[in-house]
């Protein structure tokens, strides 16, 4: 029943569209065009942000899906291979693509025949996106390949600023919102989301034999890297998780406390999913290995829709 209701709302209200305000030429040579490909990438690998993006106005929805598709592509490279050289080559492909996009008098025919790259060129050409934020999405992942761990919470926050907040800066640019308060809120929200992503990915990190929790906090509570990799629950690891989650919640509350233009509320809608995860973690008494944390939230689409109707975040 719930699935049918959600399907109705998606089809009725959130049908993917092209850019209505500014026309972009598209060569639809297959049933699944490049924009649909981008939407599917986000749906498969960044589902919560996908739901939030569907609730945005038509003029923002399509270009935002392209930006999030790029972010999903670069973010999952580390999960696709254990060979750091292969991962670095794939990241370099995206850096080279960005370089190509921003060449003067560039043409679509010179852009790699990758659906995300092609759509990214169109969005960048149409909205004159800041190059530095696109490069940050790539460079932040390159940095992780080199360091392989976070020494402190500040390192995680810096990584989140580049890997997550940059997405919000780009969407603000698409919406033509130039506001220092909106930028400030984007910074805090991106950090909150980045920290939550670290907590949520601990099972994947353990599989890859990587410890993503900050080393200084692990040392503070005498938690060894081996115990984290083995998934051993204890009061000490819960203290670590509590401290990390508290920092995420602090950034979330700060982002919500900043008075921003009302048109930015739809852009910051992912805050709803961040809060829900932190509450679920608290309910599990900060046991990061609790199986309930790995399950999806069936009520999230409805909650997002309700908050969107209220124009809040």
C-alpha atoms as a PDB file:
ATOM      1  CA  UNK A   1       0.000   0.000   0.000  1.00  0.00           C
ATOM      2  CA  UNK A   2       2.734   2.466   1.005  1.00  0.00           C
ATOM      3  CA  UNK A   3       4.742   1.524  -2.094  1.00  0.00           C
ATOM      4  CA  UNK A   4       1.753   2.270  -4.341  1.00  0.00           C
ATOM      5  CA  UNK A   5       1.192   5.667  -2.702  1.00  0.00           C
ATOM      6  CA  UNK A   6       4.861   6.590  -3.084  1.00  0.00           C
ATOM      7  CA  UNK A   7       4.821   5.465  -6.719  1.00  0.00           C
ATOM      8  CA  UNK A   8       1.784   7.667  -7.346  1.00  0.00           C
ATOM      9  CA  UNK A   9       3.449  10.756  -5.889  1.00  0.00           C
ATOM     10  CA  UNK A  10       6.683  10.143  -7.809  1.00  0.00           C
ATOM     11  CA  UNK A  11       4.835   9.778 -11.106  1.00  0.00           C
ATOM     12  CA  UNK A  12       2.320  12.557 -10.424  1.00  0.00           C
ATOM     13  CA  UNK A  13       4.562  15.235  -8.976  1.00  0.00           C
ATOM     14  CA  UNK A  14       8.202  14.323  -9.461  1.00  0.00           C
ATOM     15  CA  UNK A  15       8.480  13.137 -13.057  1.00  0.00           C
ATOM     16  CA  UNK A  16      12.052  13.943 -14.208  1.00  0.00           C
ATOM     17  CA  UNK A  17      12.172  16.797 -16.661  1.00  0.00           C
ATOM     18  CA  UNK A  18      14.643  18.703 -18.790  1.00  0.00           C
ATOM     19  CA  UNK A  19      15.685  22.233 -17.886  1.00  0.00           C
ATOM     20  CA  UNK A  20      12.496  24.281 -18.458  1.00  0.00           C
ATOM     21  CA  UNK A  21      13.990  27.735 -18.044  1.00  0.00           C
ATOM     22  CA  UNK A  22      16.980  27.286 -20.302  1.00  0.00           C
ATOM     23  CA  UNK A  23      16.833  24.905 -23.225  1.00  0.00           C
ATOM     24  CA  UNK A  24      19.681  22.528 -23.779  1.00  0.00           C
ATOM     25  CA  UNK A  25      19.982  20.399 -26.905  1.00  0.00           C
ATOM     26  CA  UNK A  26      19.878  16.682 -26.184  1.00  0.00           C
ATOM     27  CA  UNK A  27      20.426  13.798 -28.543  1.00  0.00           C
ATOM     28  CA  UNK A  28      18.018  11.133 -27.360  1.00  0.00           C
ATOM     29  CA  UNK A  29      19.364   8.163 -29.268  1.00  0.00           C
ATOM     30  CA  UNK A  30      18.190   5.546 -26.793  1.00  0.00           C
ATOM     31  CA  UNK A  31      15.272   4.891 -24.523  1.00  0.00           C
ATOM     32  CA  UNK A  32      17.414   5.788 -21.546  1.00  0.00           C
ATOM     33  CA  UNK A  33      18.953   9.184 -22.250  1.00  0.00           C
ATOM     34  CA  UNK A  34      21.926  10.572 -20.381  1.00  0.00           C
ATOM     35  CA  UNK A  35      19.797  12.544 -17.933  1.00  0.00           C
ATOM     36  CA  UNK A  36      17.858   9.421 -16.982  1.00  0.00           C
ATOM     37  CA  UNK A  37      21.191   7.647 -16.549  1.00  0.00           C
ATOM     38  CA  UNK A  38      22.268  10.334 -14.069  1.00  0.00           C
ATOM     39  CA  UNK A  39      18.997   9.982 -12.170  1.00  0.00           C
ATOM     40  CA  UNK A  40      19.455   6.210 -11.950  1.00  0.00           C
ATOM     41  CA  UNK A  41      23.005   6.586 -10.648  1.00  0.00           C
ATOM     42  CA  UNK A  42      21.756   8.802  -7.824  1.00  0.00           C
ATOM     43  CA  UNK A  43      18.786   6.531  -7.120  1.00  0.00           C
ATOM     44  CA  UNK A  44      20.983   3.443  -6.854  1.00  0.00           C
ATOM     45  CA  UNK A  45      23.907   4.893  -4.913  1.00  0.00           C
ATOM     46  CA  UNK A  46      22.571   7.950  -3.069  1.00  0.00           C
ATOM     47  CA  UNK A  47      18.919   7.121  -2.485  1.00  0.00           C
ATOM     48  CA  UNK A  48      18.119   9.559   0.327  1.00  0.00           C
ATOM     49  CA  UNK A  49      19.500  12.512  -1.614  1.00  0.00           C
ATOM     50  CA  UNK A  50      17.656  11.195  -4.648  1.00  0.00           C
ATOM     51  CA  UNK A  51      14.348  11.400  -2.795  1.00  0.00           C
ATOM     52  CA  UNK A  52      15.140  14.911  -1.578  1.00  0.00           C
ATOM     53  CA  UNK A  53      16.086  16.011  -5.098  1.00  0.00           C
ATOM     54  CA  UNK A  54      12.816  14.721  -6.540  1.00  0.00           C
ATOM     55  CA  UNK A  55      11.016  17.188  -4.289  1.00  0.00           C
ATOM     56  CA  UNK A  56      12.847  20.191  -5.694  1.00  0.00           C
ATOM     57  CA  UNK A  57      11.254  22.521  -8.244  1.00  0.00           C
ATOM     58  CA  UNK A  58      11.541  21.456 -11.885  1.00  0.00           C
ATOM     59  CA  UNK A  59      14.086  24.122 -12.743  1.00  0.00           C
ATOM     60  CA  UNK A  60      16.511  22.792 -10.114  1.00  0.00           C
ATOM     61  CA  UNK A  61      15.746  19.074 -10.136  1.00  0.00           C
ATOM     62  CA  UNK A  62      17.494  17.985 -13.331  1.00  0.00           C
ATOM     63  CA  UNK A  63      20.778  19.914 -12.946  1.00  0.00           C
ATOM     64  CA  UNK A  64      20.948  18.904  -9.279  1.00  0.00           C
ATOM     65  CA  UNK A  65      20.628  15.236 -10.264  1.00  0.00           C
ATOM     66  CA  UNK A  66      23.591  15.714 -12.601  1.00  0.00           C
ATOM     67  CA  UNK A  67      25.741  17.189  -9.824  1.00  0.00           C
ATOM     68  CA  UNK A  68      24.743  14.421  -7.435  1.00  0.00           C
ATOM     69  CA  UNK A  69      25.447  11.818 -10.125  1.00  0.00           C
ATOM     70  CA  UNK A  70      28.986  13.160 -10.471  1.00  0.00           C
ATOM     71  CA  UNK A  71      29.412  13.050  -6.703  1.00  0.00           C
ATOM     72  CA  UNK A  72      28.084   9.484  -6.557  1.00  0.00           C
ATOM     73  CA  UNK A  73      30.454   8.410  -9.335  1.00  0.00           C
ATOM     74  CA  UNK A  74      33.578   9.748  -7.643  1.00  0.00           C
ATOM     75  CA  UNK A  75      32.465   8.682  -4.152  1.00  0.00           C
ATOM     76  CA  UNK A  76      32.009   5.018  -5.057  1.00  0.00           C
ATOM     77  CA  UNK A  77      35.321   4.600  -6.876  1.00  0.00           C
ATOM     78  CA  UNK A  78      37.083   3.610  -3.660  1.00  0.00           C
ATOM     79  CA  UNK A  79      34.446   0.916  -3.083  1.00  0.00           C
ATOM     80  CA  UNK A  80      34.815  -0.507  -6.598  1.00  0.00           C
ATOM     81  CA  UNK A  81      38.468  -1.506  -6.377  1.00  0.00           C
ATOM     82  CA  UNK A  82      41.112  -2.233  -3.751  1.00  0.00           C
ATOM     83  CA  UNK A  83      43.896  -1.216  -6.094  1.00  0.00           C
ATOM     84  CA  UNK A  84      44.808   2.412  -5.243  1.00  0.00           C
ATOM     85  CA  UNK A  85      46.388   2.931  -8.674  1.00  0.00           C
ATOM     86  CA  UNK A  86      43.203   1.945 -10.491  1.00  0.00           C
ATOM     87  CA  UNK A  87      41.163   4.144  -8.159  1.00  0.00           C
ATOM     88  CA  UNK A  88      43.515   7.053  -8.780  1.00  0.00           C
ATOM     89  CA  UNK A  89      43.249   6.555 -12.559  1.00  0.00           C
ATOM     90  CA  UNK A  90      39.456   6.633 -12.377  1.00  0.00           C
ATOM     91  CA  UNK A  91      39.513   9.793 -10.295  1.00  0.00           C
ATOM     92  CA  UNK A  92      41.974  11.315 -12.742  1.00  0.00           C
ATOM     93  CA  UNK A  93      39.472  10.615 -15.527  1.00  0.00           C
ATOM     94  CA  UNK A  94      36.998  12.917 -13.783  1.00  0.00           C
ATOM     95  CA  UNK A  95      39.629  15.557 -13.141  1.00  0.00           C
ATOM     96  CA  UNK A  96      40.590  15.468 -16.823  1.00  0.00           C
ATOM     97  CA  UNK A  97      36.906  15.679 -17.759  1.00  0.00           C
ATOM     98  CA  UNK A  98      36.468  18.798 -15.639  1.00  0.00           C
ATOM     99  CA  UNK A  99      39.556  20.284 -17.299  1.00  0.00           C
ATOM    100  CA  UNK A 100      38.043  19.558 -20.710  1.00  0.00           C
ATOM    101  CA  UNK A 101      34.689  21.074 -19.748  1.00  0.00           C
ATOM    102  CA  UNK A 102      36.255  24.375 -18.723  1.00  0.00           C
ATOM    103  CA  UNK A 103      38.386  24.826 -21.826  1.00  0.00           C
ATOM    104  CA  UNK A 104      37.504  27.935 -23.789  1.00  0.00           C
ATOM    105  CA  UNK A 105      35.090  27.465 -26.691  1.00  0.00           C
ATOM    106  CA  UNK A 106      34.598  23.832 -25.746  1.00  0.00           C
ATOM    107  CA  UNK A 107      32.165  21.649 -27.686  1.00  0.00           C
ATOM    108  CA  UNK A 108      30.114  18.658 -26.528  1.00  0.00           C
ATOM    109  CA  UNK A 109      31.769  16.452 -29.147  1.00  0.00           C
ATOM    110  CA  UNK A 110      35.095  16.802 -27.300  1.00  0.00           C
ATOM    111  CA  UNK A 111      33.686  15.627 -23.966  1.00  0.00           C
ATOM    112  CA  UNK A 112      34.140  11.915 -23.075  1.00  0.00           C
ATOM    113  CA  UNK A 113      31.220   9.745 -24.176  1.00  0.00           C
ATOM    114  CA  UNK A 114      30.118   9.207 -20.583  1.00  0.00           C
ATOM    115  CA  UNK A 115      26.481  10.148 -19.790  1.00  0.00           C
ATOM    116  CA  UNK A 116      27.392  11.942 -16.553  1.00  0.00           C
ATOM    117  CA  UNK A 117      30.268  13.808 -18.216  1.00  0.00           C
ATOM    118  CA  UNK A 118      28.045  14.853 -21.122  1.00  0.00           C
ATOM    119  CA  UNK A 119      25.300  16.145 -18.851  1.00  0.00           C
ATOM    120  CA  UNK A 120      27.833  17.854 -16.606  1.00  0.00           C
ATOM    121  CA  UNK A 121      29.155  19.785 -19.608  1.00  0.00           C
ATOM    122  CA  UNK A 122      25.626  20.962 -20.418  1.00  0.00           C
ATOM    123  CA  UNK A 123      24.961  22.059 -16.847  1.00  0.00           C
ATOM    124  CA  UNK A 124      28.295  23.846 -16.527  1.00  0.00           C
ATOM    125  CA  UNK A 125      27.761  25.620 -19.837  1.00  0.00           C
ATOM    126  CA  UNK A 126      24.238  26.648 -18.923  1.00  0.00           C
ATOM    127  CA  UNK A 127      24.751  27.721 -15.318  1.00  0.00           C
ATOM    128  CA  UNK A 128      28.420  28.802 -15.310  1.00  0.00           C
ATOM    129  CA  UNK A 129      29.230  26.669 -12.276  1.00  0.00           C
ATOM    130  CA  UNK A 130      32.322  27.451 -10.172  1.00  0.00           C
ATOM    131  CA  UNK A 131      35.095  25.104 -11.244  1.00  0.00           C
ATOM    132  CA  UNK A 132      36.708  24.923  -7.796  1.00  0.00           C
ATOM    133  CA  UNK A 133      33.762  23.087  -6.206  1.00  0.00           C
ATOM    134  CA  UNK A 134      33.684  20.426  -8.915  1.00  0.00           C
ATOM    135  CA  UNK A 135      37.420  19.886  -8.477  1.00  0.00           C
ATOM    136  CA  UNK A 136      36.992  19.609  -4.719  1.00  0.00           C
ATOM    137  CA  UNK A 137      34.650  16.634  -5.208  1.00  0.00           C
ATOM    138  CA  UNK A 138      37.459  14.801  -6.992  1.00  0.00           C
ATOM    139  CA  UNK A 139      40.435  16.018  -4.970  1.00  0.00           C
ATOM    140  CA  UNK A 140      38.813  15.171  -1.634  1.00  0.00           C
ATOM    141  CA  UNK A 141      38.582  11.523  -2.740  1.00  0.00           C
ATOM    142  CA  UNK A 142      42.164  11.580  -3.993  1.00  0.00           C
ATOM    143  CA  UNK A 143      43.288  12.778  -0.582  1.00  0.00           C
ATOM    144  CA  UNK A 144      41.564   9.836   1.111  1.00  0.00           C
ATOM    145  CA  UNK A 145      43.368   7.415  -1.209  1.00  0.00           C
ATOM    146  CA  UNK A 146      46.676   8.831   0.020  1.00  0.00           C
ATOM    147  CA  UNK A 147      46.027   9.245   3.747  1.00  0.00           C
ATOM    148  CA  UNK A 148      43.637   6.249   4.150  1.00  0.00           C
ATOM    149  CA  UNK A 149      42.452   7.486   7.559  1.00  0.00           C
ATOM    150  CA  UNK A 150      41.388  10.574   9.501  1.00  0.00           C
ATOM    151  CA  UNK A 151      43.704  11.739  12.260  1.00  0.00           C
ATOM    152  CA  UNK A 152      41.111  13.959  13.944  1.00  0.00           C
ATOM    153  CA  UNK A 153      37.532  15.206  13.825  1.00  0.00           C
ATOM    154  CA  UNK A 154      38.861  18.330  12.155  1.00  0.00           C
ATOM    155  CA  UNK A 155      40.177  16.153   9.321  1.00  0.00           C
ATOM    156  CA  UNK A 156      36.711  14.662   8.847  1.00  0.00           C
ATOM    157  CA  UNK A 157      35.149  18.106   8.886  1.00  0.00           C
ATOM    158  CA  UNK A 158      37.624  19.361   6.304  1.00  0.00           C
ATOM    159  CA  UNK A 159      36.952  16.340   4.107  1.00  0.00           C
ATOM    160  CA  UNK A 160      33.184  16.849   4.470  1.00  0.00           C
ATOM    161  CA  UNK A 161      33.495  20.524   3.569  1.00  0.00           C
ATOM    162  CA  UNK A 162      35.112  19.556   0.277  1.00  0.00           C
ATOM    163  CA  UNK A 163      33.245  16.324  -0.501  1.00  0.00           C
ATOM    164  CA  UNK A 164      29.718  17.247   0.653  1.00  0.00           C
ATOM    165  CA  UNK A 165      29.361  20.990   1.230  1.00  0.00           C
ATOM    166  CA  UNK A 166      30.671  21.560  -2.302  1.00  0.00           C
ATOM    167  CA  UNK A 167      27.533  19.880  -3.655  1.00  0.00           C
ATOM    168  CA  UNK A 168      25.372  22.401  -1.816  1.00  0.00           C
ATOM    169  CA  UNK A 169      27.490  25.306  -3.064  1.00  0.00           C
ATOM    170  CA  UNK A 170      27.023  24.063  -6.630  1.00  0.00           C
ATOM    171  CA  UNK A 171      23.254  23.721  -6.244  1.00  0.00           C
ATOM    172  CA  UNK A 172      23.069  27.221  -4.758  1.00  0.00           C
ATOM    173  CA  UNK A 173      24.940  28.414  -7.826  1.00  0.00           C
ATOM    174  CA  UNK A 174      22.432  26.649 -10.092  1.00  0.00           C
ATOM    175  CA  UNK A 175      19.612  28.370  -8.190  1.00  0.00           C
ATOM    176  CA  UNK A 176      21.465  31.681  -8.591  1.00  0.00           C
ATOM    177  CA  UNK A 177      21.435  32.223  -4.827  1.00  0.00           C
ATOM    178  CA  UNK A 178      24.343  34.324  -3.655  1.00  0.00           C
ATOM    179  CA  UNK A 179      23.899  34.662   0.093  1.00  0.00           C
ATOM    180  CA  UNK A 180      26.540  34.458   2.815  1.00  0.00           C
ATOM    181  CA  UNK A 181      24.073  32.915   5.277  1.00  0.00           C
ATOM    182  CA  UNK A 182      23.099  30.225   2.777  1.00  0.00           C
ATOM    183  CA  UNK A 183      26.804  29.464   2.243  1.00  0.00           C
ATOM    184  CA  UNK A 184      27.322  29.268   6.001  1.00  0.00           C
ATOM    185  CA  UNK A 185      24.390  26.880   6.400  1.00  0.00           C
ATOM    186  CA  UNK A 186      25.688  24.790   3.476  1.00  0.00           C
ATOM    187  CA  UNK A 187      29.046  24.447   5.186  1.00  0.00           C
ATOM    188  CA  UNK A 188      27.519  23.181   8.446  1.00  0.00           C
ATOM    189  CA  UNK A 189      24.992  20.921   6.742  1.00  0.00           C
ATOM    190  CA  UNK A 190      27.689  19.407   4.537  1.00  0.00           C
ATOM    191  CA  UNK A 191      29.845  18.701   7.571  1.00  0.00           C
ATOM    192  CA  UNK A 192      26.925  17.096   9.397  1.00  0.00           C
ATOM    193  CA  UNK A 193      26.134  14.918   6.393  1.00  0.00           C
ATOM    194  CA  UNK A 194      29.778  14.031   5.833  1.00  0.00           C
ATOM    195  CA  UNK A 195      30.237  12.916   9.438  1.00  0.00           C
ATOM    196  CA  UNK A 196      27.038  10.854   9.271  1.00  0.00           C
ATOM    197  CA  UNK A 197      28.282   9.273   6.038  1.00  0.00           C
ATOM    198  CA  UNK A 198      31.445   8.204   7.873  1.00  0.00           C
ATOM    199  CA  UNK A 199      29.363   6.553  10.602  1.00  0.00           C
ATOM    200  CA  UNK A 200      27.047   4.865   8.127  1.00  0.00           C
ATOM    201  CA  UNK A 201      29.874   3.503   6.000  1.00  0.00           C
ATOM    202  CA  UNK A 202      31.730   1.761   8.815  1.00  0.00           C
ATOM    203  CA  UNK A 203      30.705  -1.690   7.535  1.00  0.00           C
ATOM    204  CA  UNK A 204      32.023  -0.924   4.047  1.00  0.00           C
ATOM    205  CA  UNK A 205      35.187   0.574   5.519  1.00  0.00           C
ATOM    206  CA  UNK A 206      35.744  -2.544   7.622  1.00  0.00           C
ATOM    207  CA  UNK A 207      35.346  -4.707   4.518  1.00  0.00           C
ATOM    208  CA  UNK A 208      38.008  -2.616   2.817  1.00  0.00           C
ATOM    209  CA  UNK A 209      40.197  -2.874   5.952  1.00  0.00           C
ATOM    210  CA  UNK A 210      39.987   0.871   6.526  1.00  0.00           C
ATOM    211  CA  UNK A 211      39.264   2.611   9.815  1.00  0.00           C
ATOM    212  CA  UNK A 212      37.257   5.738   9.040  1.00  0.00           C
ATOM    213  CA  UNK A 213      36.671   6.875  12.632  1.00  0.00           C
ATOM    214  CA  UNK A 214      39.059   9.635  13.815  1.00  0.00           C
ATOM    215  CA  UNK A 215      42.255   8.303  15.376  1.00  0.00           C
ATOM    216  CA  UNK A 216      42.445  10.877  18.148  1.00  0.00           C
ATOM    217  CA  UNK A 217      38.968   9.964  19.416  1.00  0.00           C
ATOM    218  CA  UNK A 218      39.784   6.235  19.226  1.00  0.00           C
ATOM    219  CA  UNK A 219      42.918   6.851  21.277  1.00  0.00           C
ATOM    220  CA  UNK A 220      40.992   8.985  23.761  1.00  0.00           C
ATOM    221  CA  UNK A 221      38.780   6.012  24.621  1.00  0.00           C
ATOM    222  CA  UNK A 222      41.509   3.357  24.169  1.00  0.00           C
ATOM    223  CA  UNK A 223      39.836   1.694  21.194  1.00  0.00           C
ATOM    224  CA  UNK A 224      42.177  -0.224  18.895  1.00  0.00           C
ATOM    225  CA  UNK A 225      41.890  -0.222  15.134  1.00  0.00           C
ATOM    226  CA  UNK A 226      41.702  -4.018  15.210  1.00  0.00           C
ATOM    227  CA  UNK A 227      38.599  -3.986  17.410  1.00  0.00           C
ATOM    228  CA  UNK A 228      36.922  -1.567  15.011  1.00  0.00           C
ATOM    229  CA  UNK A 229      37.773  -3.739  12.006  1.00  0.00           C
ATOM    230  CA  UNK A 230      36.491  -6.824  13.809  1.00  0.00           C
ATOM    231  CA  UNK A 231      33.233  -5.061  14.669  1.00  0.00           C
ATOM    232  CA  UNK A 232      33.532  -5.557  18.427  1.00  0.00           C
ATOM    233  CA  UNK A 233      30.909  -3.623  20.351  1.00  0.00           C
ATOM    234  CA  UNK A 234      31.891  -2.133  23.716  1.00  0.00           C
ATOM    235  CA  UNK A 235      31.246   0.858  25.940  1.00  0.00           C
ATOM    236  CA  UNK A 236      34.433   2.422  24.622  1.00  0.00           C
ATOM    237  CA  UNK A 237      33.461   2.238  20.951  1.00  0.00           C
ATOM    238  CA  UNK A 238      30.023   3.586  21.852  1.00  0.00           C
ATOM    239  CA  UNK A 239      31.702   6.555  23.517  1.00  0.00           C
ATOM    240  CA  UNK A 240      33.645   7.140  20.294  1.00  0.00           C
ATOM    241  CA  UNK A 241      30.492   6.966  18.211  1.00  0.00           C
ATOM    242  CA  UNK A 242      28.644   9.244  20.638  1.00  0.00           C
ATOM    243  CA  UNK A 243      31.348  11.916  20.384  1.00  0.00           C
ATOM    244  CA  UNK A 244      31.438  11.733  16.575  1.00  0.00           C
ATOM    245  CA  UNK A 245      27.638  11.751  16.285  1.00  0.00           C
ATOM    246  CA  UNK A 246      27.430  14.685  18.696  1.00  0.00           C
ATOM    247  CA  UNK A 247      29.651  16.714  16.396  1.00  0.00           C
ATOM    248  CA  UNK A 248      27.373  15.877  13.450  1.00  0.00           C
ATOM    249  CA  UNK A 249      24.305  16.902  15.443  1.00  0.00           C
ATOM    250  CA  UNK A 250      25.993  20.153  16.468  1.00  0.00           C
ATOM    251  CA  UNK A 251      26.604  21.050  12.812  1.00  0.00           C
ATOM    252  CA  UNK A 252      23.035  20.065  11.894  1.00  0.00           C
ATOM    253  CA  UNK A 253      21.526  22.278  14.576  1.00  0.00           C
ATOM    254  CA  UNK A 254      23.815  25.135  13.610  1.00  0.00           C
ATOM    255  CA  UNK A 255      22.744  24.829   9.958  1.00  0.00           C
ATOM    256  CA  UNK A 256      19.086  24.947  10.964  1.00  0.00           C
ATOM    257  CA  UNK A 257      19.587  27.933  13.248  1.00  0.00           C
ATOM    258  CA  UNK A 258      20.894  30.159  10.456  1.00  0.00           C
ATOM    259  CA  UNK A 259      18.275  32.328   8.799  1.00  0.00           C
ATOM    260  CA  UNK A 260      18.493  31.659   5.082  1.00  0.00           C
ATOM    261  CA  UNK A 261      16.339  32.680   2.085  1.00  0.00           C
ATOM    262  CA  UNK A 262      13.196  30.536   1.881  1.00  0.00           C
ATOM    263  CA  UNK A 263      14.075  29.342  -1.619  1.00  0.00           C
ATOM    264  CA  UNK A 264      17.085  27.504  -0.151  1.00  0.00           C
ATOM    265  CA  UNK A 265      14.952  25.316   2.108  1.00  0.00           C
ATOM    266  CA  UNK A 266      14.326  22.788  -0.655  1.00  0.00           C
ATOM    267  CA  UNK A 267      18.068  22.552  -1.287  1.00  0.00           C
ATOM    268  CA  UNK A 268      18.726  21.720   2.379  1.00  0.00           C
ATOM    269  CA  UNK A 269      16.018  19.028   2.566  1.00  0.00           C
ATOM    270  CA  UNK A 270      18.602  16.206   3.105  1.00  0.00           C
ATOM    271  CA  UNK A 271      18.842  17.521   6.687  1.00  0.00           C
ATOM    272  CA  UNK A 272      15.698  15.457   7.371  1.00  0.00           C
ATOM    273  CA  UNK A 273      17.470  12.171   6.588  1.00  0.00           C
ATOM    274  CA  UNK A 274      20.513  13.193   8.646  1.00  0.00           C
ATOM    275  CA  UNK A 275      18.356  13.849  11.693  1.00  0.00           C
ATOM    276  CA  UNK A 276      16.487  10.566  11.281  1.00  0.00           C
ATOM    277  CA  UNK A 277      19.722   8.578  11.211  1.00  0.00           C
ATOM    278  CA  UNK A 278      21.109  10.327  14.295  1.00  0.00           C
ATOM    279  CA  UNK A 279      17.891   9.623  16.184  1.00  0.00           C
ATOM    280  CA  UNK A 280      18.002   5.990  15.129  1.00  0.00           C
ATOM    281  CA  UNK A 281      21.624   5.788  16.296  1.00  0.00           C
ATOM    282  CA  UNK A 282      20.649   7.301  19.639  1.00  0.00           C
ATOM    283  CA  UNK A 283      17.815   4.784  19.962  1.00  0.00           C
ATOM    284  CA  UNK A 284      20.382   2.005  19.404  1.00  0.00           C
ATOM    285  CA  UNK A 285      22.392   3.506  22.289  1.00  0.00           C
ATOM    286  CA  UNK A 286      25.161   4.406  19.819  1.00  0.00           C
ATOM    287  CA  UNK A 287      25.889   0.793  18.934  1.00  0.00           C
ATOM    288  CA  UNK A 288      27.256   1.447  15.456  1.00  0.00           C
ATOM    289  CA  UNK A 289      27.020  -2.277  14.636  1.00  0.00           C
ATOM    290  CA  UNK A 290      23.282  -2.530  15.408  1.00  0.00           C
ATOM    291  CA  UNK A 291      21.580  -4.178  12.438  1.00  0.00           C
ATOM    292  CA  UNK A 292      18.677  -1.720  12.595  1.00  0.00           C
ATOM    293  CA  UNK A 293      21.018   1.016  11.376  1.00  0.00           C
ATOM    294  CA  UNK A 294      21.584  -0.877   8.128  1.00  0.00           C
ATOM    295  CA  UNK A 295      17.902  -1.003   7.263  1.00  0.00           C
ATOM    296  CA  UNK A 296      16.236   1.619   5.131  1.00  0.00           C
ATOM    297  CA  UNK A 297      13.599   3.950   6.525  1.00  0.00           C
ATOM    298  CA  UNK A 298      10.241   3.219   4.822  1.00  0.00           C
ATOM    299  CA  UNK A 299       8.644   6.402   6.174  1.00  0.00           C
ATOM    300  CA  UNK A 300      11.394   8.738   4.931  1.00  0.00           C
ATOM    301  CA  UNK A 301       9.714   9.573   1.565  1.00  0.00           C
ATOM    302  CA  UNK A 302       6.535  10.655   3.341  1.00  0.00           C
ATOM    303  CA  UNK A 303       8.419  12.639   5.970  1.00  0.00           C
ATOM    304  CA  UNK A 304      10.440  14.408   3.290  1.00  0.00           C
ATOM    305  CA  UNK A 305       7.251  15.208   1.379  1.00  0.00           C
ATOM    306  CA  UNK A 306       5.581  16.604   4.512  1.00  0.00           C
ATOM    307  CA  UNK A 307       8.567  18.785   5.399  1.00  0.00           C
ATOM    308  CA  UNK A 308       8.726  19.998   1.792  1.00  0.00           C
ATOM    309  CA  UNK A 309       5.084  21.023   1.929  1.00  0.00           C
ATOM    310  CA  UNK A 310       5.885  23.071   5.022  1.00  0.00           C
ATOM    311  CA  UNK A 311       8.882  24.556   3.174  1.00  0.00           C
ATOM    312  CA  UNK A 312      11.205  23.607   6.021  1.00  0.00           C
ATOM    313  CA  UNK A 313      14.321  21.467   6.277  1.00  0.00           C
END
